[in-house]
Amino acid sequence: MANIGIFYGSSSGVTKVVAEKIGELLDVESFNIFNMEEDFTDFDDMYAFDILLFGCSTWGSGEVQNDWRDPLLDLDNDKPSFAGKTIAVFGAGDYKAHGEQFVSALGILHDKFKARGATLVGSFPTDGYTYKYSFAERDGKFVGLPFDEINEADKTDARLEAWVESLKAELDL
């Protein structure tokens, strides 16, 4: 069985709920699901896992959720290696209020960890999404799973299940 850790930041609880659903779908024990504010101490927490799933909503003009800010600064300053780690990202956005930066935080996480040597997986089709721009879109796909619980909550479960199934296939789980 793959050694999977899920790390998420959640201000309103939406990303937490999705992180827990992903954990259930991938049979990840609850003690391997980490709230970045309460449970994360340093990158050693992440090094214990071969596969990492990072949850982060997008705030303001395309910024990461607050619980990710300090760890990303540490990532830039300390430059730890994530070579040999496989990472997938997921996160919440609001296409009506922030369609000009829809789930852009996923693109930030993707790029920062790729620059540290990680292998990024879990791209997801943009089909069926409404938005103006997203820093998380690359080559016609999102770098991870976006969801919009404010405007498209009825689509989250199907998107989540499709993403997890594609992850299982991509990672041979």
N, C-alpha and C. Protein backbone atom coordinates (compact mmCIF):
# COMPACT_ATOMS: atom_id res chain seq x y z
N MET A 1 0.85 -1.19 0.00
CA MET A 1 0.00 0.00 0.00
C MET A 1 0.88 1.24 0.00
N ALA A 2 0.49 2.21 -0.77
CA ALA A 2 1.25 3.46 -0.87
C ALA A 2 1.17 4.23 0.44
N ASN A 3 2.25 4.91 0.74
CA ASN A 3 2.34 5.73 1.94
C ASN A 3 1.91 7.14 1.57
N ILE A 4 0.64 7.50 1.90
CA ILE A 4 0.05 8.77 1.48
C ILE A 4 -0.21 9.66 2.68
N GLY A 5 0.18 10.93 2.54
CA GLY A 5 -0.14 11.95 3.53
C GLY A 5 -0.91 13.07 2.87
N ILE A 6 -1.93 13.56 3.55
CA ILE A 6 -2.74 14.67 3.04
C ILE A 6 -2.53 15.87 3.96
N PHE A 7 -2.13 16.99 3.38
CA PHE A 7 -1.89 18.23 4.11
C PHE A 7 -2.79 19.31 3.52
N TYR A 8 -3.56 19.98 4.38
CA TYR A 8 -4.49 20.98 3.86
C TYR A 8 -4.51 22.22 4.77
N GLY A 9 -4.84 23.34 4.17
CA GLY A 9 -5.15 24.56 4.91
C GLY A 9 -6.61 24.87 4.65
N SER A 10 -7.33 25.27 5.69
CA SER A 10 -8.76 25.51 5.51
C SER A 10 -9.23 26.60 6.46
N SER A 11 -9.68 27.70 5.92
CA SER A 11 -10.20 28.80 6.75
C SER A 11 -11.67 28.59 7.10
N SER A 12 -12.45 28.13 6.13
CA SER A 12 -13.89 27.98 6.35
C SER A 12 -14.33 26.54 6.56
N GLY A 13 -13.42 25.60 6.42
CA GLY A 13 -13.73 24.19 6.61
C GLY A 13 -14.02 23.43 5.33
N VAL A 14 -14.16 24.13 4.20
CA VAL A 14 -14.49 23.49 2.94
C VAL A 14 -13.36 22.57 2.48
N THR A 15 -12.13 23.06 2.49
CA THR A 15 -11.01 22.23 2.04
C THR A 15 -10.78 21.07 3.00
N LYS A 16 -11.05 21.27 4.26
CA LYS A 16 -10.94 20.18 5.24
C LYS A 16 -11.89 19.03 4.90
N VAL A 17 -13.13 19.37 4.60
CA VAL A 17 -14.12 18.35 4.27
C VAL A 17 -13.69 17.56 3.04
N VAL A 18 -13.19 18.27 2.02
CA VAL A 18 -12.74 17.58 0.80
C VAL A 18 -11.51 16.72 1.10
N ALA A 19 -10.58 17.23 1.91
CA ALA A 19 -9.40 16.44 2.29
C ALA A 19 -9.83 15.14 2.96
N GLU A 20 -10.80 15.21 3.84
CA GLU A 20 -11.28 14.02 4.53
C GLU A 20 -11.97 13.05 3.56
N LYS A 21 -12.72 13.58 2.59
CA LYS A 21 -13.35 12.72 1.58
C LYS A 21 -12.29 12.02 0.74
N ILE A 22 -11.25 12.76 0.35
CA ILE A 22 -10.16 12.15 -0.41
C ILE A 22 -9.51 11.05 0.42
N GLY A 23 -9.30 11.33 1.69
CA GLY A 23 -8.73 10.32 2.58
C GLY A 23 -9.56 9.05 2.62
N GLU A 24 -10.88 9.20 2.68
CA GLU A 24 -11.77 8.03 2.68
C GLU A 24 -11.66 7.26 1.38
N LEU A 25 -11.66 7.98 0.26
CA LEU A 25 -11.61 7.32 -1.05
C LEU A 25 -10.28 6.61 -1.30
N LEU A 26 -9.22 7.10 -0.68
CA LEU A 26 -7.90 6.48 -0.85
C LEU A 26 -7.48 5.62 0.34
N ASP A 27 -8.38 5.40 1.29
CA ASP A 27 -8.10 4.61 2.49
C ASP A 27 -6.89 5.16 3.27
N VAL A 28 -6.82 6.47 3.40
CA VAL A 28 -5.77 7.11 4.18
C VAL A 28 -6.26 7.22 5.62
N GLU A 29 -5.46 6.73 6.55
CA GLU A 29 -5.83 6.81 7.98
C GLU A 29 -5.95 8.27 8.40
N SER A 30 -6.88 8.56 9.29
CA SER A 30 -7.14 9.95 9.70
C SER A 30 -5.91 10.61 10.32
N PHE A 31 -5.03 9.82 10.94
CA PHE A 31 -3.82 10.41 11.54
C PHE A 31 -2.79 10.79 10.48
N ASN A 32 -3.04 10.46 9.22
CA ASN A 32 -2.17 10.87 8.11
C ASN A 32 -2.78 12.02 7.30
N ILE A 33 -3.78 12.68 7.90
CA ILE A 33 -4.40 13.87 7.31
C ILE A 33 -4.07 15.03 8.24
N PHE A 34 -3.35 16.01 7.72
CA PHE A 34 -2.79 17.08 8.54
C PHE A 34 -3.39 18.44 8.21
N ASN A 35 -3.86 19.12 9.23
CA ASN A 35 -4.27 20.51 9.12
C ASN A 35 -2.99 21.35 9.22
N MET A 36 -2.70 22.15 8.21
CA MET A 36 -1.45 22.92 8.20
C MET A 36 -1.32 23.85 9.39
N GLU A 37 -2.41 24.38 9.89
CA GLU A 37 -2.34 25.29 11.04
C GLU A 37 -2.09 24.55 12.35
N GLU A 38 -2.75 23.43 12.53
CA GLU A 38 -2.72 22.74 13.82
C GLU A 38 -1.68 21.62 13.90
N ASP A 39 -1.42 20.94 12.81
CA ASP A 39 -0.61 19.71 12.86
C ASP A 39 0.77 19.82 12.23
N PHE A 40 0.99 20.77 11.34
CA PHE A 40 2.24 20.86 10.60
C PHE A 40 3.30 21.57 11.44
N THR A 41 4.47 20.94 11.57
CA THR A 41 5.56 21.58 12.31
C THR A 41 6.71 21.95 11.39
N ASP A 42 7.11 21.03 10.51
CA ASP A 42 8.14 21.34 9.51
C ASP A 42 8.08 20.30 8.41
N PHE A 43 8.95 20.43 7.43
CA PHE A 43 8.88 19.56 6.26
C PHE A 43 9.17 18.10 6.58
N ASP A 44 9.76 17.82 7.73
CA ASP A 44 9.96 16.43 8.13
C ASP A 44 8.62 15.70 8.21
N ASP A 45 7.55 16.43 8.56
CA ASP A 45 6.21 15.82 8.58
C ASP A 45 5.86 15.26 7.21
N MET A 46 6.26 15.97 6.17
CA MET A 46 5.95 15.55 4.81
C MET A 46 6.88 14.47 4.31
N TYR A 47 8.13 14.50 4.76
CA TYR A 47 9.12 13.52 4.30
C TYR A 47 8.77 12.09 4.68
N ALA A 48 7.87 11.91 5.63
CA ALA A 48 7.48 10.57 6.06
C ALA A 48 6.64 9.85 5.01
N PHE A 49 6.20 10.58 3.96
CA PHE A 49 5.29 10.02 2.97
C PHE A 49 5.93 10.00 1.59
N ASP A 50 5.56 8.99 0.79
CA ASP A 50 6.01 8.91 -0.59
C ASP A 50 5.12 9.74 -1.50
N ILE A 51 3.82 9.75 -1.19
CA ILE A 51 2.82 10.49 -1.97
C ILE A 51 2.19 11.53 -1.06
N LEU A 52 2.17 12.77 -1.52
CA LEU A 52 1.62 13.88 -0.75
C LEU A 52 0.49 14.52 -1.53
N LEU A 53 -0.62 14.77 -0.87
CA LEU A 53 -1.74 15.49 -1.45
C LEU A 53 -1.88 16.79 -0.67
N PHE A 54 -1.86 17.92 -1.38
CA PHE A 54 -1.91 19.23 -0.74
C PHE A 54 -3.20 19.94 -1.10
N GLY A 55 -3.96 20.34 -0.08
CA GLY A 55 -5.20 21.07 -0.27
C GLY A 55 -5.04 22.52 0.12
N CYS A 56 -5.46 23.42 -0.76
CA CYS A 56 -5.31 24.85 -0.51
C CYS A 56 -6.35 25.62 -1.31
N SER A 57 -7.10 26.46 -0.64
CA SER A 57 -8.02 27.33 -1.35
C SER A 57 -7.29 28.57 -1.84
N THR A 58 -7.93 29.30 -2.73
CA THR A 58 -7.35 30.52 -3.29
C THR A 58 -8.07 31.72 -2.68
N TRP A 59 -7.28 32.70 -2.25
CA TRP A 59 -7.82 33.89 -1.60
C TRP A 59 -7.37 35.15 -2.33
N GLY A 60 -8.19 36.19 -2.22
CA GLY A 60 -7.81 37.49 -2.77
C GLY A 60 -7.51 37.43 -4.25
N SER A 61 -6.37 37.97 -4.61
CA SER A 61 -6.00 38.04 -6.03
C SER A 61 -5.09 36.88 -6.41
N GLY A 62 -5.52 35.65 -6.05
CA GLY A 62 -4.79 34.45 -6.45
C GLY A 62 -3.78 33.96 -5.43
N GLU A 63 -3.96 34.32 -4.17
CA GLU A 63 -3.01 33.94 -3.12
C GLU A 63 -3.39 32.61 -2.48
N VAL A 64 -2.40 31.98 -1.85
CA VAL A 64 -2.65 30.75 -1.11
C VAL A 64 -3.37 31.06 0.19
N GLN A 65 -4.05 30.08 0.71
CA GLN A 65 -4.73 30.19 1.99
C GLN A 65 -3.68 30.44 3.08
N ASN A 66 -4.03 31.18 4.11
CA ASN A 66 -3.09 31.65 5.14
C ASN A 66 -2.21 30.56 5.76
N ASP A 67 -2.73 29.37 5.96
CA ASP A 67 -1.96 28.31 6.63
C ASP A 67 -0.78 27.83 5.78
N TRP A 68 -0.79 28.14 4.49
CA TRP A 68 0.30 27.74 3.59
C TRP A 68 1.38 28.82 3.44
N ARG A 69 1.10 30.04 3.87
CA ARG A 69 2.04 31.14 3.62
C ARG A 69 3.42 30.91 4.24
N ASP A 70 3.48 30.66 5.53
CA ASP A 70 4.78 30.45 6.19
C ASP A 70 5.51 29.22 5.66
N PRO A 71 4.83 28.07 5.48
CA PRO A 71 5.55 26.93 4.91
C PRO A 71 6.12 27.22 3.52
N LEU A 72 5.41 27.98 2.71
CA LEU A 72 5.94 28.30 1.37
C LEU A 72 7.11 29.27 1.46
N LEU A 73 7.09 30.18 2.43
CA LEU A 73 8.26 31.05 2.65
C LEU A 73 9.46 30.21 3.09
N ASP A 74 9.22 29.25 3.98
CA ASP A 74 10.30 28.35 4.42
C ASP A 74 10.81 27.53 3.23
N LEU A 75 9.91 27.13 2.37
CA LEU A 75 10.31 26.36 1.18
C LEU A 75 11.25 27.20 0.32
N ASP A 76 10.92 28.47 0.15
CA ASP A 76 11.77 29.36 -0.65
C ASP A 76 13.10 29.65 0.04
N ASN A 77 13.06 29.83 1.35
CA ASN A 77 14.28 30.20 2.08
C ASN A 77 15.20 29.02 2.35
N ASP A 78 14.64 27.91 2.81
CA ASP A 78 15.45 26.75 3.21
C ASP A 78 15.79 25.84 2.04
N LYS A 79 14.98 25.89 0.99
CA LYS A 79 15.18 25.10 -0.23
C LYS A 79 15.33 23.59 0.03
N PRO A 80 14.39 23.00 0.80
CA PRO A 80 14.47 21.56 1.02
C PRO A 80 14.18 20.81 -0.28
N SER A 81 14.74 19.63 -0.39
CA SER A 81 14.52 18.82 -1.59
C SER A 81 13.26 17.96 -1.43
N PHE A 82 12.48 17.92 -2.48
CA PHE A 82 11.34 17.02 -2.53
C PHE A 82 11.52 15.99 -3.65
N ALA A 83 12.76 15.80 -4.05
CA ALA A 83 13.07 14.78 -5.05
C ALA A 83 12.63 13.42 -4.51
N GLY A 84 12.01 12.64 -5.36
CA GLY A 84 11.52 11.33 -4.95
C GLY A 84 10.12 11.36 -4.38
N LYS A 85 9.55 12.54 -4.19
CA LYS A 85 8.18 12.66 -3.68
C LYS A 85 7.23 12.91 -4.83
N THR A 86 6.05 12.33 -4.74
CA THR A 86 5.00 12.54 -5.72
C THR A 86 3.91 13.36 -5.06
N ILE A 87 3.51 14.44 -5.72
CA ILE A 87 2.57 15.39 -5.13
C ILE A 87 1.42 15.65 -6.08
N ALA A 88 0.21 15.73 -5.50
CA ALA A 88 -0.98 16.16 -6.23
C ALA A 88 -1.64 17.26 -5.39
N VAL A 89 -2.28 18.20 -6.07
CA VAL A 89 -2.90 19.34 -5.37
C VAL A 89 -4.40 19.40 -5.64
N PHE A 90 -5.12 19.95 -4.69
CA PHE A 90 -6.56 20.16 -4.82
C PHE A 90 -6.93 21.42 -4.05
N GLY A 91 -8.02 22.06 -4.44
CA GLY A 91 -8.39 23.25 -3.69
C GLY A 91 -9.65 23.93 -4.18
N ALA A 92 -10.14 24.78 -3.28
CA ALA A 92 -11.39 25.50 -3.50
C ALA A 92 -11.16 26.85 -4.16
N GLY A 93 -12.15 27.24 -4.94
CA GLY A 93 -12.17 28.55 -5.55
C GLY A 93 -13.61 29.03 -5.66
N ASP A 94 -13.78 30.25 -6.11
CA ASP A 94 -15.09 30.86 -6.29
C ASP A 94 -15.07 31.55 -7.65
N TYR A 95 -15.66 30.90 -8.66
CA TYR A 95 -15.52 31.43 -10.01
C TYR A 95 -16.31 32.72 -10.22
N LYS A 96 -17.34 32.97 -9.42
CA LYS A 96 -18.10 34.21 -9.61
C LYS A 96 -17.39 35.40 -8.98
N ALA A 97 -16.93 35.27 -7.77
CA ALA A 97 -16.25 36.38 -7.09
C ALA A 97 -14.80 36.52 -7.51
N HIS A 98 -14.16 35.41 -7.88
CA HIS A 98 -12.72 35.42 -8.21
C HIS A 98 -12.41 34.64 -9.49
N GLY A 99 -13.24 34.80 -10.50
CA GLY A 99 -13.05 34.10 -11.76
C GLY A 99 -11.80 34.52 -12.50
N GLU A 100 -11.24 35.68 -12.13
CA GLU A 100 -10.02 36.16 -12.78
C GLU A 100 -8.77 35.51 -12.17
N GLN A 101 -8.92 34.78 -11.08
CA GLN A 101 -7.81 34.07 -10.44
C GLN A 101 -8.28 32.72 -9.90
N PHE A 102 -9.21 32.09 -10.59
CA PHE A 102 -9.83 30.86 -10.11
C PHE A 102 -8.77 29.81 -9.78
N VAL A 103 -8.79 29.33 -8.58
CA VAL A 103 -7.90 28.30 -8.00
C VAL A 103 -6.42 28.49 -8.34
N SER A 104 -6.00 29.73 -8.48
CA SER A 104 -4.61 30.01 -8.82
C SER A 104 -3.62 29.51 -7.77
N ALA A 105 -4.06 29.38 -6.52
CA ALA A 105 -3.17 28.86 -5.47
C ALA A 105 -2.65 27.47 -5.83
N LEU A 106 -3.42 26.68 -6.55
CA LEU A 106 -2.95 25.35 -6.96
C LEU A 106 -1.74 25.46 -7.86
N GLY A 107 -1.73 26.45 -8.73
CA GLY A 107 -0.58 26.67 -9.60
C GLY A 107 0.64 27.09 -8.81
N ILE A 108 0.44 27.87 -7.76
CA ILE A 108 1.56 28.29 -6.90
C ILE A 108 2.17 27.07 -6.21
N LEU A 109 1.34 26.24 -5.58
CA LEU A 109 1.85 25.04 -4.92
C LEU A 109 2.56 24.14 -5.93
N HIS A 110 1.94 23.91 -7.05
CA HIS A 110 2.51 23.07 -8.10
C HIS A 110 3.92 23.53 -8.45
N ASP A 111 4.05 24.81 -8.76
CA ASP A 111 5.34 25.33 -9.22
C ASP A 111 6.41 25.30 -8.13
N LYS A 112 6.02 25.64 -6.92
CA LYS A 112 7.01 25.69 -5.83
C LYS A 112 7.56 24.30 -5.50
N PHE A 113 6.70 23.30 -5.47
CA PHE A 113 7.18 21.96 -5.15
C PHE A 113 7.86 21.30 -6.34
N LYS A 114 7.44 21.62 -7.53
CA LYS A 114 8.14 21.11 -8.72
C LYS A 114 9.57 21.67 -8.75
N ALA A 115 9.72 22.94 -8.39
CA ALA A 115 11.05 23.56 -8.35
C ALA A 115 11.94 22.91 -7.30
N ARG A 116 11.37 22.25 -6.32
CA ARG A 116 12.12 21.57 -5.26
C ARG A 116 12.32 20.09 -5.59
N GLY A 117 11.99 19.68 -6.82
CA GLY A 117 12.30 18.34 -7.27
C GLY A 117 11.18 17.32 -7.24
N ALA A 118 10.00 17.71 -6.78
CA ALA A 118 8.88 16.76 -6.70
C ALA A 118 8.33 16.43 -8.08
N THR A 119 7.73 15.26 -8.18
CA THR A 119 6.98 14.87 -9.36
C THR A 119 5.53 15.23 -9.10
N LEU A 120 4.95 16.06 -9.96
CA LEU A 120 3.56 16.49 -9.78
C LEU A 120 2.65 15.67 -10.68
N VAL A 121 1.54 15.21 -10.10
CA VAL A 121 0.56 14.40 -10.81
C VAL A 121 -0.83 14.96 -10.53
N GLY A 122 -1.83 14.38 -11.18
CA GLY A 122 -3.21 14.71 -10.83
C GLY A 122 -3.82 15.85 -11.60
N SER A 123 -3.35 16.10 -12.82
CA SER A 123 -3.99 17.16 -13.60
C SER A 123 -5.44 16.78 -13.85
N PHE A 124 -6.26 17.81 -14.13
CA PHE A 124 -7.69 17.57 -14.26
C PHE A 124 -8.24 18.45 -15.39
N PRO A 125 -9.16 17.92 -16.21
CA PRO A 125 -9.69 18.69 -17.34
C PRO A 125 -10.39 19.98 -16.90
N THR A 126 -10.31 20.98 -17.74
CA THR A 126 -10.99 22.26 -17.47
C THR A 126 -12.44 22.23 -17.95
N ASP A 127 -12.82 21.18 -18.66
CA ASP A 127 -14.18 21.06 -19.18
C ASP A 127 -15.21 21.19 -18.06
N GLY A 128 -16.23 22.00 -18.30
CA GLY A 128 -17.31 22.14 -17.34
C GLY A 128 -17.09 23.21 -16.29
N TYR A 129 -15.93 23.84 -16.29
CA TYR A 129 -15.65 24.92 -15.33
C TYR A 129 -15.88 26.27 -16.01
N THR A 130 -16.30 27.25 -15.22
CA THR A 130 -16.48 28.61 -15.70
C THR A 130 -15.51 29.50 -14.94
N TYR A 131 -14.66 30.22 -15.66
CA TYR A 131 -13.71 31.15 -15.04
C TYR A 131 -13.06 31.98 -16.14
N LYS A 132 -12.44 33.08 -15.76
CA LYS A 132 -11.77 33.94 -16.74
C LYS A 132 -10.31 33.55 -16.91
N TYR A 133 -9.63 33.28 -15.80
CA TYR A 133 -8.21 32.97 -15.82
C TYR A 133 -7.87 32.12 -14.61
N SER A 134 -6.89 31.26 -14.76
CA SER A 134 -6.38 30.51 -13.62
C SER A 134 -4.90 30.23 -13.83
N PHE A 135 -4.08 30.61 -12.84
CA PHE A 135 -2.66 30.29 -12.85
C PHE A 135 -2.46 28.78 -12.72
N ALA A 136 -3.52 28.07 -12.36
CA ALA A 136 -3.45 26.62 -12.22
C ALA A 136 -3.71 25.89 -13.53
N GLU A 137 -4.02 26.61 -14.59
CA GLU A 137 -4.24 25.97 -15.88
C GLU A 137 -2.94 25.90 -16.67
N ARG A 138 -2.61 24.70 -17.13
CA ARG A 138 -1.41 24.46 -17.93
C ARG A 138 -1.79 23.53 -19.07
N ASP A 139 -1.49 23.92 -20.26
CA ASP A 139 -1.74 23.08 -21.44
C ASP A 139 -3.18 22.58 -21.50
N GLY A 140 -4.13 23.46 -21.15
CA GLY A 140 -5.54 23.11 -21.26
C GLY A 140 -6.10 22.26 -20.14
N LYS A 141 -5.32 22.04 -19.08
CA LYS A 141 -5.80 21.29 -17.92
C LYS A 141 -5.42 22.04 -16.65
N PHE A 142 -6.13 21.76 -15.58
CA PHE A 142 -5.73 22.26 -14.26
C PHE A 142 -4.61 21.37 -13.72
N VAL A 143 -3.72 21.93 -12.93
CA VAL A 143 -2.62 21.15 -12.35
C VAL A 143 -3.10 20.21 -11.25
N GLY A 144 -4.32 20.37 -10.81
CA GLY A 144 -4.89 19.52 -9.77
C GLY A 144 -6.40 19.61 -9.84
N LEU A 145 -7.06 19.24 -8.75
CA LEU A 145 -8.52 19.23 -8.70
C LEU A 145 -9.05 20.54 -8.13
N PRO A 146 -9.77 21.33 -8.94
CA PRO A 146 -10.46 22.50 -8.41
C PRO A 146 -11.90 22.15 -8.06
N PHE A 147 -12.41 22.80 -7.04
CA PHE A 147 -13.83 22.67 -6.73
C PHE A 147 -14.34 24.02 -6.25
N ASP A 148 -15.63 24.24 -6.44
CA ASP A 148 -16.27 25.51 -6.10
C ASP A 148 -17.53 25.20 -5.30
N GLU A 149 -17.39 25.17 -4.00
CA GLU A 149 -18.52 24.84 -3.13
C GLU A 149 -19.53 25.97 -3.01
N ILE A 150 -19.17 27.16 -3.44
CA ILE A 150 -20.08 28.29 -3.36
C ILE A 150 -21.06 28.28 -4.53
N ASN A 151 -20.56 28.03 -5.72
CA ASN A 151 -21.38 28.12 -6.93
C ASN A 151 -21.71 26.78 -7.58
N GLU A 152 -20.89 25.76 -7.35
CA GLU A 152 -21.08 24.48 -8.03
C GLU A 152 -20.93 23.29 -7.08
N ALA A 153 -21.49 23.42 -5.90
CA ALA A 153 -21.38 22.35 -4.90
C ALA A 153 -21.93 21.03 -5.42
N ASP A 154 -22.92 21.11 -6.30
CA ASP A 154 -23.54 19.90 -6.84
C ASP A 154 -22.59 19.11 -7.75
N LYS A 155 -21.48 19.70 -8.16
CA LYS A 155 -20.52 19.03 -9.04
C LYS A 155 -19.30 18.49 -8.30
N THR A 156 -19.14 18.87 -7.04
CA THR A 156 -17.91 18.53 -6.31
C THR A 156 -17.71 17.03 -6.17
N ASP A 157 -18.71 16.31 -5.73
CA ASP A 157 -18.53 14.87 -5.48
C ASP A 157 -18.14 14.12 -6.74
N ALA A 158 -18.79 14.40 -7.86
CA ALA A 158 -18.47 13.71 -9.12
C ALA A 158 -17.05 14.06 -9.57
N ARG A 159 -16.68 15.34 -9.45
CA ARG A 159 -15.31 15.75 -9.82
C ARG A 159 -14.29 15.09 -8.91
N LEU A 160 -14.59 15.06 -7.64
CA LEU A 160 -13.69 14.46 -6.66
C LEU A 160 -13.49 12.97 -6.94
N GLU A 161 -14.56 12.26 -7.18
CA GLU A 161 -14.46 10.83 -7.46
C GLU A 161 -13.69 10.57 -8.75
N ALA A 162 -13.93 11.38 -9.78
CA ALA A 162 -13.21 11.22 -11.05
C ALA A 162 -11.72 11.49 -10.85
N TRP A 163 -11.39 12.53 -10.07
CA TRP A 163 -9.99 12.86 -9.82
C TRP A 163 -9.29 11.75 -9.06
N VAL A 164 -9.93 11.24 -8.02
CA VAL A 164 -9.32 10.17 -7.23
C VAL A 164 -9.11 8.93 -8.09
N GLU A 165 -10.08 8.60 -8.93
CA GLU A 165 -9.92 7.44 -9.82
C GLU A 165 -8.76 7.65 -10.78
N SER A 166 -8.61 8.87 -11.30
CA SER A 166 -7.49 9.13 -12.20
C SER A 166 -6.15 9.08 -11.45
N LEU A 167 -6.15 9.53 -10.20
CA LEU A 167 -4.94 9.43 -9.38
C LEU A 167 -4.57 7.96 -9.15
N LYS A 168 -5.55 7.16 -8.82
CA LYS A 168 -5.30 5.74 -8.60
C LYS A 168 -4.66 5.11 -9.83
N ALA A 169 -5.18 5.45 -11.01
CA ALA A 169 -4.62 4.90 -12.24
C ALA A 169 -3.21 5.44 -12.49
N GLU A 170 -3.04 6.74 -12.30
CA GLU A 170 -1.74 7.36 -12.56
C GLU A 170 -0.66 6.86 -11.61
N LEU A 171 -1.05 6.59 -10.36
CA LEU A 171 -0.09 6.16 -9.34
C LEU A 171 -0.08 4.65 -9.15
N ASP A 172 -0.89 3.93 -9.91
CA ASP A 172 -0.98 2.49 -9.81
C ASP A 172 -1.34 2.05 -8.38
N LEU A 173 -2.37 2.68 -7.83
CA LEU A 173 -2.80 2.37 -6.46
C LEU A 173 -3.88 1.29 -6.45
